[in-house]
Amino acid sequence: MWHRVFPPTRAEFDRPARMRAWLAHVQKQVSAYQGLAIGQIGGSVAAVFELTELMDAVSAGLSLVEDADGFDVPGGLRVAIGLATGEVDLSQSTALGPAIARAPLLANRTRRGALVGDATTRALAASVFPSLSPVGRADHPFHSRTVHSIATGPPPSD
């Protein structure tokens, strides 16, 4: 999972203390849903879940999107979540693998308030979360074909 906070649109909303409180909330939610936050940079948090916890990962993402709407910033906090399924190697103080590369691409190329999944995530979660959708070209300000192919391409073969 990749959690992204969009930068504040006005200087008066740029409050580091609020951002720290939000990021602490993100890490708490990830843990509550059986995930592990593995990194943070700026307003982005990377987290991993076991494949058996996929539904928890989707639920955590949906919860964070909902919580952001009511966060202590006028109009809510602007976030997006990208979910990708695949093996992640957490050895040697780094995270490697196709899933850890796809998740931020999805989160960074979608609109505020969206939770999007790659093809594997959508297929595995479809019975419980049928509305989990790909990033369509219309969702991206530049109508990127790359975004569409990332979201709808075939599952990776490791």
N, C-alpha and C. Protein backbone atom coordinates (compact mmCIF):
# COMPACT_ATOMS: atom_id res chain seq x y z
N MET A 1 0.85 -1.17 0.00
CA MET A 1 0.00 0.00 0.00
C MET A 1 0.90 1.24 0.00
N TRP A 2 0.50 2.22 -0.76
CA TRP A 2 1.17 3.51 -0.76
C TRP A 2 0.14 4.57 -0.46
N HIS A 3 0.35 5.30 0.62
CA HIS A 3 -0.52 6.39 1.05
C HIS A 3 0.15 7.69 0.63
N ARG A 4 -0.59 8.55 -0.02
CA ARG A 4 -0.04 9.83 -0.47
C ARG A 4 -0.90 10.98 0.01
N VAL A 5 -0.26 11.98 0.58
CA VAL A 5 -0.95 13.23 0.93
C VAL A 5 -0.60 14.24 -0.14
N PHE A 6 -1.61 14.86 -0.72
CA PHE A 6 -1.39 15.93 -1.68
C PHE A 6 -0.89 17.15 -0.92
N PRO A 7 0.03 17.91 -1.47
CA PRO A 7 0.51 19.11 -0.77
C PRO A 7 -0.63 20.09 -0.51
N PRO A 8 -0.53 20.85 0.58
CA PRO A 8 -1.58 21.84 0.87
C PRO A 8 -1.67 22.86 -0.26
N THR A 9 -2.88 23.32 -0.51
CA THR A 9 -3.08 24.30 -1.58
C THR A 9 -2.89 25.72 -1.09
N ARG A 10 -2.89 25.92 0.22
CA ARG A 10 -2.70 27.26 0.76
C ARG A 10 -1.72 27.18 1.92
N ALA A 11 -0.87 28.19 2.02
CA ALA A 11 0.19 28.19 3.03
C ALA A 11 -0.35 28.04 4.45
N GLU A 12 -1.51 28.60 4.75
CA GLU A 12 -2.03 28.51 6.12
C GLU A 12 -2.46 27.09 6.50
N PHE A 13 -2.59 26.20 5.52
CA PHE A 13 -2.94 24.81 5.82
C PHE A 13 -1.69 23.95 5.99
N ASP A 14 -0.53 24.51 5.74
CA ASP A 14 0.73 23.77 5.82
C ASP A 14 1.23 23.81 7.26
N ARG A 15 0.75 22.90 8.06
CA ARG A 15 1.10 22.84 9.48
C ARG A 15 1.79 21.51 9.77
N PRO A 16 3.11 21.55 10.01
CA PRO A 16 3.84 20.31 10.27
C PRO A 16 3.28 19.48 11.43
N ALA A 17 2.80 20.14 12.48
CA ALA A 17 2.25 19.39 13.61
C ALA A 17 1.02 18.59 13.19
N ARG A 18 0.17 19.18 12.35
CA ARG A 18 -1.00 18.45 11.85
C ARG A 18 -0.58 17.27 10.99
N MET A 19 0.43 17.49 10.15
CA MET A 19 0.91 16.41 9.29
C MET A 19 1.49 15.27 10.13
N ARG A 20 2.25 15.61 11.16
CA ARG A 20 2.79 14.56 12.04
C ARG A 20 1.66 13.77 12.69
N ALA A 21 0.62 14.49 13.14
CA ALA A 21 -0.53 13.81 13.77
C ALA A 21 -1.21 12.88 12.76
N TRP A 22 -1.37 13.35 11.52
CA TRP A 22 -2.01 12.53 10.50
C TRP A 22 -1.16 11.29 10.20
N LEU A 23 0.14 11.47 10.02
CA LEU A 23 1.01 10.34 9.69
C LEU A 23 1.06 9.33 10.83
N ALA A 24 0.98 9.79 12.08
CA ALA A 24 0.89 8.87 13.22
C ALA A 24 -0.42 8.08 13.14
N HIS A 25 -1.49 8.75 12.73
CA HIS A 25 -2.78 8.08 12.55
C HIS A 25 -2.69 7.02 11.44
N VAL A 26 -2.03 7.35 10.35
CA VAL A 26 -1.86 6.39 9.25
C VAL A 26 -1.13 5.15 9.77
N GLN A 27 -0.06 5.34 10.48
CA GLN A 27 0.70 4.19 10.98
C GLN A 27 -0.12 3.37 11.96
N LYS A 28 -0.92 4.03 12.79
CA LYS A 28 -1.78 3.32 13.74
C LYS A 28 -2.84 2.49 12.99
N GLN A 29 -3.44 3.08 11.95
CA GLN A 29 -4.44 2.36 11.16
C GLN A 29 -3.83 1.16 10.44
N VAL A 30 -2.66 1.35 9.86
CA VAL A 30 -1.99 0.24 9.18
C VAL A 30 -1.77 -0.91 10.16
N SER A 31 -1.28 -0.59 11.36
CA SER A 31 -1.07 -1.63 12.37
C SER A 31 -2.38 -2.28 12.80
N ALA A 32 -3.42 -1.47 12.97
CA ALA A 32 -4.72 -2.00 13.39
C ALA A 32 -5.28 -2.99 12.38
N TYR A 33 -4.92 -2.83 11.10
CA TYR A 33 -5.39 -3.73 10.05
C TYR A 33 -4.33 -4.78 9.69
N GLN A 34 -3.43 -5.07 10.61
CA GLN A 34 -2.43 -6.15 10.46
C GLN A 34 -1.33 -5.85 9.45
N GLY A 35 -1.10 -4.59 9.13
CA GLY A 35 -0.04 -4.23 8.21
C GLY A 35 1.18 -3.72 8.93
N LEU A 36 2.21 -3.44 8.15
CA LEU A 36 3.47 -2.93 8.69
C LEU A 36 3.89 -1.73 7.86
N ALA A 37 3.97 -0.56 8.50
CA ALA A 37 4.48 0.62 7.81
C ALA A 37 5.99 0.45 7.69
N ILE A 38 6.49 0.48 6.45
CA ILE A 38 7.91 0.21 6.24
C ILE A 38 8.72 1.44 5.86
N GLY A 39 8.06 2.55 5.60
CA GLY A 39 8.79 3.75 5.24
C GLY A 39 7.89 4.94 5.11
N GLN A 40 8.51 6.11 5.24
CA GLN A 40 7.76 7.36 5.12
C GLN A 40 8.70 8.39 4.53
N ILE A 41 8.17 9.15 3.59
CA ILE A 41 8.90 10.29 3.06
C ILE A 41 7.88 11.37 2.77
N GLY A 42 8.11 12.54 3.34
CA GLY A 42 7.13 13.61 3.19
C GLY A 42 5.77 13.13 3.69
N GLY A 43 4.75 13.32 2.87
CA GLY A 43 3.40 12.89 3.23
C GLY A 43 3.04 11.52 2.69
N SER A 44 4.03 10.74 2.31
CA SER A 44 3.78 9.39 1.78
C SER A 44 4.23 8.33 2.77
N VAL A 45 3.43 7.29 2.88
CA VAL A 45 3.75 6.16 3.75
C VAL A 45 3.64 4.89 2.93
N ALA A 46 4.65 4.04 3.00
CA ALA A 46 4.62 2.72 2.37
C ALA A 46 4.32 1.69 3.44
N ALA A 47 3.43 0.77 3.12
CA ALA A 47 3.08 -0.28 4.08
C ALA A 47 2.94 -1.60 3.34
N VAL A 48 3.20 -2.67 4.05
CA VAL A 48 3.04 -4.00 3.47
C VAL A 48 2.07 -4.81 4.33
N PHE A 49 1.37 -5.71 3.66
CA PHE A 49 0.43 -6.62 4.29
C PHE A 49 0.71 -8.00 3.73
N GLU A 50 0.49 -9.03 4.52
CA GLU A 50 0.56 -10.39 3.99
C GLU A 50 -0.57 -10.56 2.98
N LEU A 51 -0.37 -11.43 2.00
CA LEU A 51 -1.42 -11.65 1.01
C LEU A 51 -2.71 -12.11 1.67
N THR A 52 -2.59 -12.87 2.75
CA THR A 52 -3.80 -13.33 3.45
C THR A 52 -4.54 -12.17 4.13
N GLU A 53 -3.91 -11.02 4.20
CA GLU A 53 -4.52 -9.83 4.81
C GLU A 53 -4.93 -8.80 3.75
N LEU A 54 -5.12 -9.24 2.51
CA LEU A 54 -5.46 -8.31 1.44
C LEU A 54 -6.73 -7.52 1.73
N MET A 55 -7.75 -8.19 2.24
CA MET A 55 -8.99 -7.48 2.54
C MET A 55 -8.77 -6.43 3.62
N ASP A 56 -7.87 -6.73 4.58
CA ASP A 56 -7.54 -5.74 5.60
C ASP A 56 -6.81 -4.55 4.97
N ALA A 57 -5.95 -4.81 3.99
CA ALA A 57 -5.24 -3.72 3.32
C ALA A 57 -6.23 -2.79 2.62
N VAL A 58 -7.20 -3.38 1.92
CA VAL A 58 -8.22 -2.57 1.24
C VAL A 58 -9.04 -1.81 2.28
N SER A 59 -9.43 -2.49 3.35
CA SER A 59 -10.21 -1.82 4.41
C SER A 59 -9.43 -0.68 5.04
N ALA A 60 -8.14 -0.89 5.28
CA ALA A 60 -7.29 0.17 5.85
C ALA A 60 -7.25 1.37 4.92
N GLY A 61 -7.08 1.12 3.63
CA GLY A 61 -7.05 2.20 2.66
C GLY A 61 -8.35 2.98 2.62
N LEU A 62 -9.46 2.25 2.60
CA LEU A 62 -10.77 2.91 2.58
C LEU A 62 -11.00 3.72 3.86
N SER A 63 -10.57 3.18 4.98
CA SER A 63 -10.70 3.88 6.26
C SER A 63 -9.88 5.18 6.26
N LEU A 64 -8.68 5.11 5.71
CA LEU A 64 -7.83 6.31 5.67
C LEU A 64 -8.41 7.38 4.76
N VAL A 65 -8.95 6.98 3.62
CA VAL A 65 -9.57 7.95 2.72
C VAL A 65 -10.75 8.63 3.43
N GLU A 66 -11.56 7.84 4.12
CA GLU A 66 -12.70 8.39 4.84
C GLU A 66 -12.25 9.30 5.99
N ASP A 67 -11.25 8.85 6.76
CA ASP A 67 -10.75 9.65 7.88
C ASP A 67 -10.17 10.98 7.41
N ALA A 68 -9.54 10.97 6.26
CA ALA A 68 -8.92 12.20 5.74
C ALA A 68 -9.95 13.27 5.45
N ASP A 69 -11.15 12.86 5.04
CA ASP A 69 -12.20 13.84 4.75
C ASP A 69 -12.60 14.64 5.98
N GLY A 70 -12.48 14.02 7.16
CA GLY A 70 -12.86 14.71 8.39
C GLY A 70 -11.69 15.23 9.18
N PHE A 71 -10.50 15.19 8.60
CA PHE A 71 -9.31 15.62 9.33
C PHE A 71 -9.33 17.12 9.56
N ASP A 72 -8.59 17.55 10.57
CA ASP A 72 -8.60 18.93 11.05
C ASP A 72 -7.93 19.92 10.09
N VAL A 73 -8.44 19.97 8.87
CA VAL A 73 -8.01 20.94 7.86
C VAL A 73 -9.28 21.31 7.09
N PRO A 74 -9.53 22.59 6.84
CA PRO A 74 -10.75 22.94 6.09
C PRO A 74 -10.84 22.15 4.79
N GLY A 75 -11.95 21.47 4.61
CA GLY A 75 -12.15 20.66 3.41
C GLY A 75 -11.55 19.28 3.51
N GLY A 76 -10.95 18.96 4.65
CA GLY A 76 -10.34 17.65 4.82
C GLY A 76 -8.95 17.59 4.22
N LEU A 77 -8.25 16.54 4.53
CA LEU A 77 -6.91 16.31 4.00
C LEU A 77 -7.04 15.61 2.66
N ARG A 78 -6.23 15.97 1.71
CA ARG A 78 -6.30 15.39 0.37
C ARG A 78 -5.34 14.22 0.28
N VAL A 79 -5.88 13.00 0.18
CA VAL A 79 -5.05 11.80 0.11
C VAL A 79 -5.49 10.91 -1.03
N ALA A 80 -4.60 10.01 -1.42
CA ALA A 80 -4.91 8.95 -2.38
C ALA A 80 -4.14 7.71 -1.94
N ILE A 81 -4.69 6.55 -2.25
CA ILE A 81 -4.09 5.28 -1.84
C ILE A 81 -3.91 4.41 -3.08
N GLY A 82 -2.72 3.84 -3.23
CA GLY A 82 -2.45 2.88 -4.29
C GLY A 82 -2.16 1.52 -3.67
N LEU A 83 -2.81 0.49 -4.18
CA LEU A 83 -2.60 -0.88 -3.70
C LEU A 83 -2.08 -1.75 -4.83
N ALA A 84 -1.03 -2.49 -4.57
CA ALA A 84 -0.49 -3.41 -5.55
C ALA A 84 -0.16 -4.71 -4.85
N THR A 85 -0.39 -5.81 -5.54
CA THR A 85 -0.16 -7.13 -4.97
C THR A 85 1.06 -7.77 -5.62
N GLY A 86 1.91 -8.34 -4.80
CA GLY A 86 3.09 -9.02 -5.28
C GLY A 86 4.09 -9.18 -4.16
N GLU A 87 5.14 -9.88 -4.46
CA GLU A 87 6.18 -10.12 -3.47
C GLU A 87 6.97 -8.85 -3.22
N VAL A 88 7.29 -8.63 -1.95
CA VAL A 88 8.13 -7.50 -1.55
C VAL A 88 9.28 -8.06 -0.72
N ASP A 89 10.48 -7.74 -1.12
CA ASP A 89 11.68 -8.16 -0.40
C ASP A 89 12.07 -7.04 0.56
N LEU A 90 12.01 -7.33 1.86
CA LEU A 90 12.31 -6.33 2.88
C LEU A 90 13.70 -6.52 3.50
N SER A 91 14.58 -7.17 2.81
CA SER A 91 15.91 -7.42 3.37
C SER A 91 16.83 -6.21 3.19
N GLN A 92 17.85 -6.15 3.98
CA GLN A 92 18.91 -5.15 3.88
C GLN A 92 18.39 -3.71 3.94
N SER A 93 17.47 -3.44 4.83
CA SER A 93 16.95 -2.09 5.06
C SER A 93 16.38 -1.42 3.82
N THR A 94 15.82 -2.21 2.93
CA THR A 94 15.19 -1.64 1.74
C THR A 94 13.97 -2.48 1.39
N ALA A 95 13.13 -1.95 0.54
CA ALA A 95 11.95 -2.68 0.05
C ALA A 95 12.04 -2.73 -1.46
N LEU A 96 12.07 -3.94 -1.99
CA LEU A 96 12.18 -4.13 -3.44
C LEU A 96 11.08 -5.04 -3.94
N GLY A 97 10.71 -4.87 -5.19
CA GLY A 97 9.73 -5.74 -5.83
C GLY A 97 8.77 -4.94 -6.67
N PRO A 98 8.13 -5.61 -7.61
CA PRO A 98 7.21 -4.91 -8.52
C PRO A 98 6.04 -4.23 -7.79
N ALA A 99 5.54 -4.86 -6.74
CA ALA A 99 4.39 -4.29 -6.04
C ALA A 99 4.76 -2.97 -5.37
N ILE A 100 5.94 -2.90 -4.79
CA ILE A 100 6.36 -1.68 -4.11
C ILE A 100 6.63 -0.57 -5.12
N ALA A 101 6.86 -0.93 -6.36
CA ALA A 101 7.03 0.08 -7.42
C ALA A 101 5.69 0.52 -8.00
N ARG A 102 4.73 -0.40 -8.13
CA ARG A 102 3.43 -0.06 -8.72
C ARG A 102 2.54 0.76 -7.80
N ALA A 103 2.55 0.45 -6.51
CA ALA A 103 1.65 1.14 -5.57
C ALA A 103 1.81 2.66 -5.59
N PRO A 104 3.04 3.20 -5.52
CA PRO A 104 3.14 4.66 -5.57
C PRO A 104 2.76 5.25 -6.93
N LEU A 105 3.00 4.51 -7.99
CA LEU A 105 2.58 5.01 -9.31
C LEU A 105 1.06 5.19 -9.34
N LEU A 106 0.35 4.24 -8.79
CA LEU A 106 -1.11 4.33 -8.76
C LEU A 106 -1.56 5.50 -7.88
N ALA A 107 -0.98 5.60 -6.68
CA ALA A 107 -1.39 6.67 -5.75
C ALA A 107 -1.04 8.05 -6.30
N ASN A 108 0.09 8.15 -6.97
CA ASN A 108 0.54 9.45 -7.46
C ASN A 108 -0.17 9.88 -8.73
N ARG A 109 -0.87 8.99 -9.37
CA ARG A 109 -1.51 9.33 -10.64
C ARG A 109 -3.03 9.19 -10.60
N THR A 110 -3.57 9.40 -9.44
CA THR A 110 -5.02 9.37 -9.33
C THR A 110 -5.49 10.64 -8.63
N ARG A 111 -6.77 10.75 -8.45
CA ARG A 111 -7.34 11.96 -7.88
C ARG A 111 -7.46 11.83 -6.36
N ARG A 112 -7.69 12.96 -5.76
CA ARG A 112 -7.90 13.04 -4.31
C ARG A 112 -9.05 12.12 -3.90
N GLY A 113 -8.88 11.45 -2.79
CA GLY A 113 -9.95 10.63 -2.24
C GLY A 113 -10.11 9.28 -2.91
N ALA A 114 -9.18 8.90 -3.78
CA ALA A 114 -9.30 7.63 -4.50
C ALA A 114 -8.44 6.55 -3.85
N LEU A 115 -8.95 5.35 -3.89
CA LEU A 115 -8.19 4.16 -3.55
C LEU A 115 -8.22 3.31 -4.82
N VAL A 116 -7.05 3.04 -5.38
CA VAL A 116 -6.98 2.28 -6.62
C VAL A 116 -6.07 1.09 -6.44
N GLY A 117 -6.36 0.04 -7.18
CA GLY A 117 -5.57 -1.17 -7.09
C GLY A 117 -5.10 -1.62 -8.45
N ASP A 118 -4.01 -2.37 -8.44
CA ASP A 118 -3.53 -2.94 -9.70
C ASP A 118 -4.44 -4.11 -10.08
N ALA A 119 -4.20 -4.70 -11.23
CA ALA A 119 -5.08 -5.76 -11.74
C ALA A 119 -5.17 -6.94 -10.78
N THR A 120 -4.06 -7.34 -10.19
CA THR A 120 -4.07 -8.49 -9.27
C THR A 120 -4.88 -8.17 -8.02
N THR A 121 -4.67 -7.00 -7.46
CA THR A 121 -5.41 -6.60 -6.26
C THR A 121 -6.90 -6.56 -6.54
N ARG A 122 -7.28 -5.97 -7.67
CA ARG A 122 -8.70 -5.89 -8.01
C ARG A 122 -9.30 -7.28 -8.19
N ALA A 123 -8.59 -8.17 -8.85
CA ALA A 123 -9.11 -9.53 -9.09
C ALA A 123 -9.30 -10.28 -7.77
N LEU A 124 -8.32 -10.18 -6.89
CA LEU A 124 -8.40 -10.90 -5.62
C LEU A 124 -9.44 -10.31 -4.66
N ALA A 125 -9.66 -9.02 -4.73
CA ALA A 125 -10.58 -8.36 -3.80
C ALA A 125 -11.98 -8.16 -4.37
N ALA A 126 -12.21 -8.54 -5.61
CA ALA A 126 -13.47 -8.23 -6.31
C ALA A 126 -14.70 -8.77 -5.60
N SER A 127 -14.62 -9.93 -4.98
CA SER A 127 -15.81 -10.51 -4.36
C SER A 127 -16.27 -9.70 -3.15
N VAL A 128 -15.33 -9.03 -2.46
CA VAL A 128 -15.68 -8.25 -1.28
C VAL A 128 -15.79 -6.76 -1.60
N PHE A 129 -14.92 -6.29 -2.52
CA PHE A 129 -14.87 -4.87 -2.87
C PHE A 129 -15.03 -4.70 -4.38
N PRO A 130 -16.23 -4.91 -4.90
CA PRO A 130 -16.40 -4.83 -6.36
C PRO A 130 -16.17 -3.43 -6.94
N SER A 131 -16.21 -2.40 -6.11
CA SER A 131 -16.03 -1.04 -6.63
C SER A 131 -14.56 -0.62 -6.71
N LEU A 132 -13.64 -1.45 -6.25
CA LEU A 132 -12.22 -1.12 -6.38
C LEU A 132 -11.89 -1.07 -7.86
N SER A 133 -11.48 0.10 -8.32
CA SER A 133 -11.37 0.28 -9.76
C SER A 133 -9.96 0.64 -10.18
N PRO A 134 -9.70 0.48 -11.48
CA PRO A 134 -8.41 0.91 -12.01
C PRO A 134 -8.36 2.42 -12.13
N VAL A 135 -7.17 2.93 -12.31
CA VAL A 135 -7.02 4.36 -12.61
C VAL A 135 -7.30 4.51 -14.08
N GLY A 136 -8.36 5.19 -14.42
CA GLY A 136 -8.66 5.43 -15.82
C GLY A 136 -7.95 6.66 -16.33
N ARG A 137 -7.83 6.79 -17.62
CA ARG A 137 -7.14 7.95 -18.19
C ARG A 137 -7.80 9.26 -17.79
N ALA A 138 -9.10 9.25 -17.64
CA ALA A 138 -9.80 10.50 -17.29
C ALA A 138 -9.50 10.94 -15.86
N ASP A 139 -9.02 10.02 -15.01
CA ASP A 139 -8.72 10.38 -13.63
C ASP A 139 -7.41 11.16 -13.50
N HIS A 140 -6.59 11.08 -14.48
CA HIS A 140 -5.28 11.72 -14.41
C HIS A 140 -5.31 13.02 -15.19
N PRO A 141 -4.74 14.09 -14.64
CA PRO A 141 -4.84 15.38 -15.33
C PRO A 141 -4.23 15.39 -16.73
N PHE A 142 -3.30 14.50 -17.00
CA PHE A 142 -2.68 14.47 -18.32
C PHE A 142 -3.19 13.31 -19.17
N HIS A 143 -4.24 12.63 -18.71
CA HIS A 143 -4.85 11.51 -19.43
C HIS A 143 -3.78 10.51 -19.89
N SER A 144 -2.96 10.11 -18.96
CA SER A 144 -1.81 9.26 -19.27
C SER A 144 -2.21 7.84 -19.65
N ARG A 145 -1.73 7.39 -20.79
CA ARG A 145 -1.93 5.99 -21.18
C ARG A 145 -1.15 5.07 -20.26
N THR A 146 -0.04 5.55 -19.73
CA THR A 146 0.77 4.74 -18.82
C THR A 146 -0.03 4.37 -17.59
N VAL A 147 -0.76 5.33 -17.03
CA VAL A 147 -1.56 5.06 -15.85
C VAL A 147 -2.56 3.97 -16.15
N HIS A 148 -3.24 4.08 -17.28
CA HIS A 148 -4.24 3.08 -17.64
C HIS A 148 -3.58 1.71 -17.77
N SER A 149 -2.42 1.63 -18.38
CA SER A 149 -1.78 0.33 -18.56
C SER A 149 -1.27 -0.23 -17.24
N ILE A 150 -0.81 0.63 -16.34
CA ILE A 150 -0.37 0.14 -15.02
C ILE A 150 -1.55 -0.49 -14.29
N ALA A 151 -2.68 0.20 -14.32
CA ALA A 151 -3.84 -0.25 -13.57
C ALA A 151 -4.51 -1.47 -14.18
N THR A 152 -4.43 -1.62 -15.51
CA THR A 152 -5.18 -2.69 -16.13
C THR A 152 -4.29 -3.76 -16.78
N GLY A 153 -3.00 -3.60 -16.67
CA GLY A 153 -2.09 -4.57 -17.29
C GLY A 153 -2.17 -5.92 -16.62
N PRO A 154 -1.53 -6.92 -17.22
CA PRO A 154 -1.57 -8.27 -16.64
C PRO A 154 -0.82 -8.30 -15.32
N PRO A 155 -1.16 -9.26 -14.46
CA PRO A 155 -0.43 -9.40 -13.20
C PRO A 155 1.05 -9.70 -13.49
N PRO A 156 1.92 -9.25 -12.58
CA PRO A 156 3.35 -9.49 -12.82
C PRO A 156 3.69 -10.96 -12.66
N SER A 157 4.72 -11.38 -13.33
CA SER A 157 5.20 -12.74 -13.12
C SER A 157 6.58 -12.61 -12.48
N ASP A 158 6.68 -13.10 -11.26
CA ASP A 158 7.94 -12.98 -10.51
C ASP A 158 8.86 -14.14 -10.76
